[in-house]
């Protein structure tokens, strides 16, 4: 049985700025691949004021991977800018389960959302 979906969309992405007590905000995409095959995952970042940009990453078979949007080792030249609104679309070679998480220091909370999948 295949778990997950091949396309995921997270329409509300925004790397929050430093907030209460200088606690740094962060956001991440967490991908779980329960298949026996490695997942090639294409990230497309969509913006209000520029053309989309894309990059590909891999999630090994039967593994989980957390990618922080503010870490160049995860997002390369597309590392998120504080306070800039954008959306994230994932397209995977095998079904995956994906989740978006944000540590929001302006309100001192953390939340996640599974996003829309197809």
C-alpha atoms as a PDB file:
ATOM      1  CA  UNK A   1       0.000   0.000   0.000  1.00  0.00           C
ATOM      2  CA  UNK A   2       1.292   3.467  -0.916  1.00  0.00           C
ATOM      3  CA  UNK A   3       0.961   6.149   1.750  1.00  0.00           C
ATOM      4  CA  UNK A   4       0.969   9.826   0.900  1.00  0.00           C
ATOM      5  CA  UNK A   5       0.558  11.913  -2.219  1.00  0.00           C
ATOM      6  CA  UNK A   6       2.865  13.114  -4.962  1.00  0.00           C
ATOM      7  CA  UNK A   7       1.888  16.818  -4.950  1.00  0.00           C
ATOM      8  CA  UNK A   8       1.678  19.055  -1.873  1.00  0.00           C
ATOM      9  CA  UNK A   9       1.007  22.801  -1.662  1.00  0.00           C
ATOM     10  CA  UNK A  10       1.614  25.081   1.321  1.00  0.00           C
ATOM     11  CA  UNK A  11       0.094  28.469   0.450  1.00  0.00           C
ATOM     12  CA  UNK A  12       1.141  30.391   3.589  1.00  0.00           C
ATOM     13  CA  UNK A  13       4.903  30.373   4.001  1.00  0.00           C
ATOM     14  CA  UNK A  14       6.781  33.223   5.658  1.00  0.00           C
ATOM     15  CA  UNK A  15       9.997  33.082   7.650  1.00  0.00           C
ATOM     16  CA  UNK A  16       9.137  35.123  10.755  1.00  0.00           C
ATOM     17  CA  UNK A  17      11.575  37.697  12.142  1.00  0.00           C
ATOM     18  CA  UNK A  18      13.137  37.740  15.585  1.00  0.00           C
ATOM     19  CA  UNK A  19      10.347  38.226  18.097  1.00  0.00           C
ATOM     20  CA  UNK A  20       9.727  38.242  21.833  1.00  0.00           C
ATOM     21  CA  UNK A  21      12.947  38.021  23.892  1.00  0.00           C
ATOM     22  CA  UNK A  22      15.001  37.771  20.673  1.00  0.00           C
ATOM     23  CA  UNK A  23      13.734  34.231  20.037  1.00  0.00           C
ATOM     24  CA  UNK A  24      14.491  33.445  16.385  1.00  0.00           C
ATOM     25  CA  UNK A  25      11.621  32.379  14.204  1.00  0.00           C
ATOM     26  CA  UNK A  26      11.960  29.488  11.821  1.00  0.00           C
ATOM     27  CA  UNK A  27       9.948  27.431   9.394  1.00  0.00           C
ATOM     28  CA  UNK A  28      10.478  24.004   7.954  1.00  0.00           C
ATOM     29  CA  UNK A  29       9.107  21.428   5.575  1.00  0.00           C
ATOM     30  CA  UNK A  30       9.046  17.911   6.988  1.00  0.00           C
ATOM     31  CA  UNK A  31       8.830  15.067   4.467  1.00  0.00           C
ATOM     32  CA  UNK A  32       8.188  11.432   5.315  1.00  0.00           C
ATOM     33  CA  UNK A  33       8.886   8.782   2.697  1.00  0.00           C
ATOM     34  CA  UNK A  34       7.617   5.345   3.735  1.00  0.00           C
ATOM     35  CA  UNK A  35       8.139   3.752   0.322  1.00  0.00           C
ATOM     36  CA  UNK A  36      10.941   1.353  -0.583  1.00  0.00           C
ATOM     37  CA  UNK A  37      12.212   3.846  -3.172  1.00  0.00           C
ATOM     38  CA  UNK A  38      14.043   7.145  -2.734  1.00  0.00           C
ATOM     39  CA  UNK A  39      11.884  10.229  -3.379  1.00  0.00           C
ATOM     40  CA  UNK A  40      13.086  12.939  -5.740  1.00  0.00           C
ATOM     41  CA  UNK A  41      11.227  16.019  -4.532  1.00  0.00           C
ATOM     42  CA  UNK A  42      10.980  19.173  -6.619  1.00  0.00           C
ATOM     43  CA  UNK A  43      10.374  22.333  -4.572  1.00  0.00           C
ATOM     44  CA  UNK A  44       8.792  25.270  -6.396  1.00  0.00           C
ATOM     45  CA  UNK A  45       8.652  28.564  -4.505  1.00  0.00           C
ATOM     46  CA  UNK A  46       5.960  30.975  -5.677  1.00  0.00           C
ATOM     47  CA  UNK A  47       6.066  34.706  -4.948  1.00  0.00           C
ATOM     48  CA  UNK A  48       3.733  37.645  -5.392  1.00  0.00           C
ATOM     49  CA  UNK A  49       6.286  39.825  -7.190  1.00  0.00           C
ATOM     50  CA  UNK A  50       8.610  37.498  -9.140  1.00  0.00           C
ATOM     51  CA  UNK A  51       8.671  34.337 -11.206  1.00  0.00           C
ATOM     52  CA  UNK A  52       8.731  30.987  -9.366  1.00  0.00           C
ATOM     53  CA  UNK A  53      12.058  29.277  -8.626  1.00  0.00           C
ATOM     54  CA  UNK A  54      12.679  25.535  -8.264  1.00  0.00           C
ATOM     55  CA  UNK A  55      15.191  23.064  -6.889  1.00  0.00           C
ATOM     56  CA  UNK A  56      15.258  19.308  -6.314  1.00  0.00           C
ATOM     57  CA  UNK A  57      16.169  17.389  -3.180  1.00  0.00           C
ATOM     58  CA  UNK A  58      16.044  13.749  -2.149  1.00  0.00           C
ATOM     59  CA  UNK A  59      14.436  11.873   0.727  1.00  0.00           C
ATOM     60  CA  UNK A  60      15.764   8.351   1.149  1.00  0.00           C
ATOM     61  CA  UNK A  61      13.457   5.335   1.271  1.00  0.00           C
ATOM     62  CA  UNK A  62      11.775   4.752   4.650  1.00  0.00           C
ATOM     63  CA  UNK A  63      13.152   8.029   6.060  1.00  0.00           C
ATOM     64  CA  UNK A  64      12.034  11.430   7.270  1.00  0.00           C
ATOM     65  CA  UNK A  65      13.741  14.688   6.333  1.00  0.00           C
ATOM     66  CA  UNK A  66      13.313  18.132   7.831  1.00  0.00           C
ATOM     67  CA  UNK A  67      14.361  21.055   5.629  1.00  0.00           C
ATOM     68  CA  UNK A  68      14.692  24.463   7.272  1.00  0.00           C
ATOM     69  CA  UNK A  69      13.852  27.292   4.880  1.00  0.00           C
ATOM     70  CA  UNK A  70      16.458  29.606   6.468  1.00  0.00           C
ATOM     71  CA  UNK A  71      19.378  27.169   6.048  1.00  0.00           C
ATOM     72  CA  UNK A  72      21.406  27.382   2.844  1.00  0.00           C
ATOM     73  CA  UNK A  73      22.344  23.700   3.198  1.00  0.00           C
ATOM     74  CA  UNK A  74      18.623  22.891   2.777  1.00  0.00           C
ATOM     75  CA  UNK A  75      17.336  25.647   0.458  1.00  0.00           C
ATOM     76  CA  UNK A  76      20.553  26.738  -1.305  1.00  0.00           C
ATOM     77  CA  UNK A  77      20.296  30.100  -3.071  1.00  0.00           C
ATOM     78  CA  UNK A  78      16.542  30.153  -2.352  1.00  0.00           C
ATOM     79  CA  UNK A  79      16.939  30.498   1.417  1.00  0.00           C
ATOM     80  CA  UNK A  80      13.901  32.345   2.790  1.00  0.00           C
ATOM     81  CA  UNK A  81      14.025  36.033   3.649  1.00  0.00           C
ATOM     82  CA  UNK A  82      12.533  37.198   6.952  1.00  0.00           C
ATOM     83  CA  UNK A  83       8.995  38.504   6.530  1.00  0.00           C
ATOM     84  CA  UNK A  84       8.615  37.685   2.813  1.00  0.00           C
ATOM     85  CA  UNK A  85       5.362  35.924   1.942  1.00  0.00           C
ATOM     86  CA  UNK A  86       5.545  32.993  -0.476  1.00  0.00           C
ATOM     87  CA  UNK A  87       4.056  29.567  -1.196  1.00  0.00           C
ATOM     88  CA  UNK A  88       5.704  26.163  -1.525  1.00  0.00           C
ATOM     89  CA  UNK A  89       4.744  23.393  -3.945  1.00  0.00           C
ATOM     90  CA  UNK A  90       6.289  19.919  -3.684  1.00  0.00           C
ATOM     91  CA  UNK A  91       6.215  17.395  -6.537  1.00  0.00           C
ATOM     92  CA  UNK A  92       7.569  13.958  -5.668  1.00  0.00           C
ATOM     93  CA  UNK A  93       8.543  10.937  -7.725  1.00  0.00           C
ATOM     94  CA  UNK A  94       6.843   8.648  -5.153  1.00  0.00           C
ATOM     95  CA  UNK A  95       4.019   9.298  -2.674  1.00  0.00           C
ATOM     96  CA  UNK A  96       5.185  11.200   0.426  1.00  0.00           C
ATOM     97  CA  UNK A  97       3.590  12.829   3.458  1.00  0.00           C
ATOM     98  CA  UNK A  98       4.566  16.476   3.922  1.00  0.00           C
ATOM     99  CA  UNK A  99       3.994  19.008   6.650  1.00  0.00           C
ATOM    100  CA  UNK A 100       4.843  22.690   7.117  1.00  0.00           C
ATOM    101  CA  UNK A 101       5.920  23.982  10.532  1.00  0.00           C
ATOM    102  CA  UNK A 102       6.562  27.521  11.752  1.00  0.00           C
ATOM    103  CA  UNK A 103       7.978  28.763  15.048  1.00  0.00           C
ATOM    104  CA  UNK A 104       6.261  32.116  15.343  1.00  0.00           C
ATOM    105  CA  UNK A 105       8.064  34.198  17.983  1.00  0.00           C
ATOM    106  CA  UNK A 106       5.873  37.284  17.526  1.00  0.00           C
ATOM    107  CA  UNK A 107       3.159  35.355  19.339  1.00  0.00           C
ATOM    108  CA  UNK A 108       5.502  32.805  20.981  1.00  0.00           C
ATOM    109  CA  UNK A 109       3.948  29.707  19.480  1.00  0.00           C
ATOM    110  CA  UNK A 110       4.596  26.878  17.055  1.00  0.00           C
ATOM    111  CA  UNK A 111       2.184  25.378  14.609  1.00  0.00           C
ATOM    112  CA  UNK A 112       2.114  22.922  11.743  1.00  0.00           C
ATOM    113  CA  UNK A 113      -0.184  22.276   8.852  1.00  0.00           C
ATOM    114  CA  UNK A 114      -0.414  19.341   6.449  1.00  0.00           C
ATOM    115  CA  UNK A 115      -1.148  21.535   3.392  1.00  0.00           C
ATOM    116  CA  UNK A 116      -3.152  20.595   0.324  1.00  0.00           C
ATOM    117  CA  UNK A 117      -2.296  17.369  -1.455  1.00  0.00           C
ATOM    118  CA  UNK A 118      -3.243  15.852  -4.772  1.00  0.00           C
END
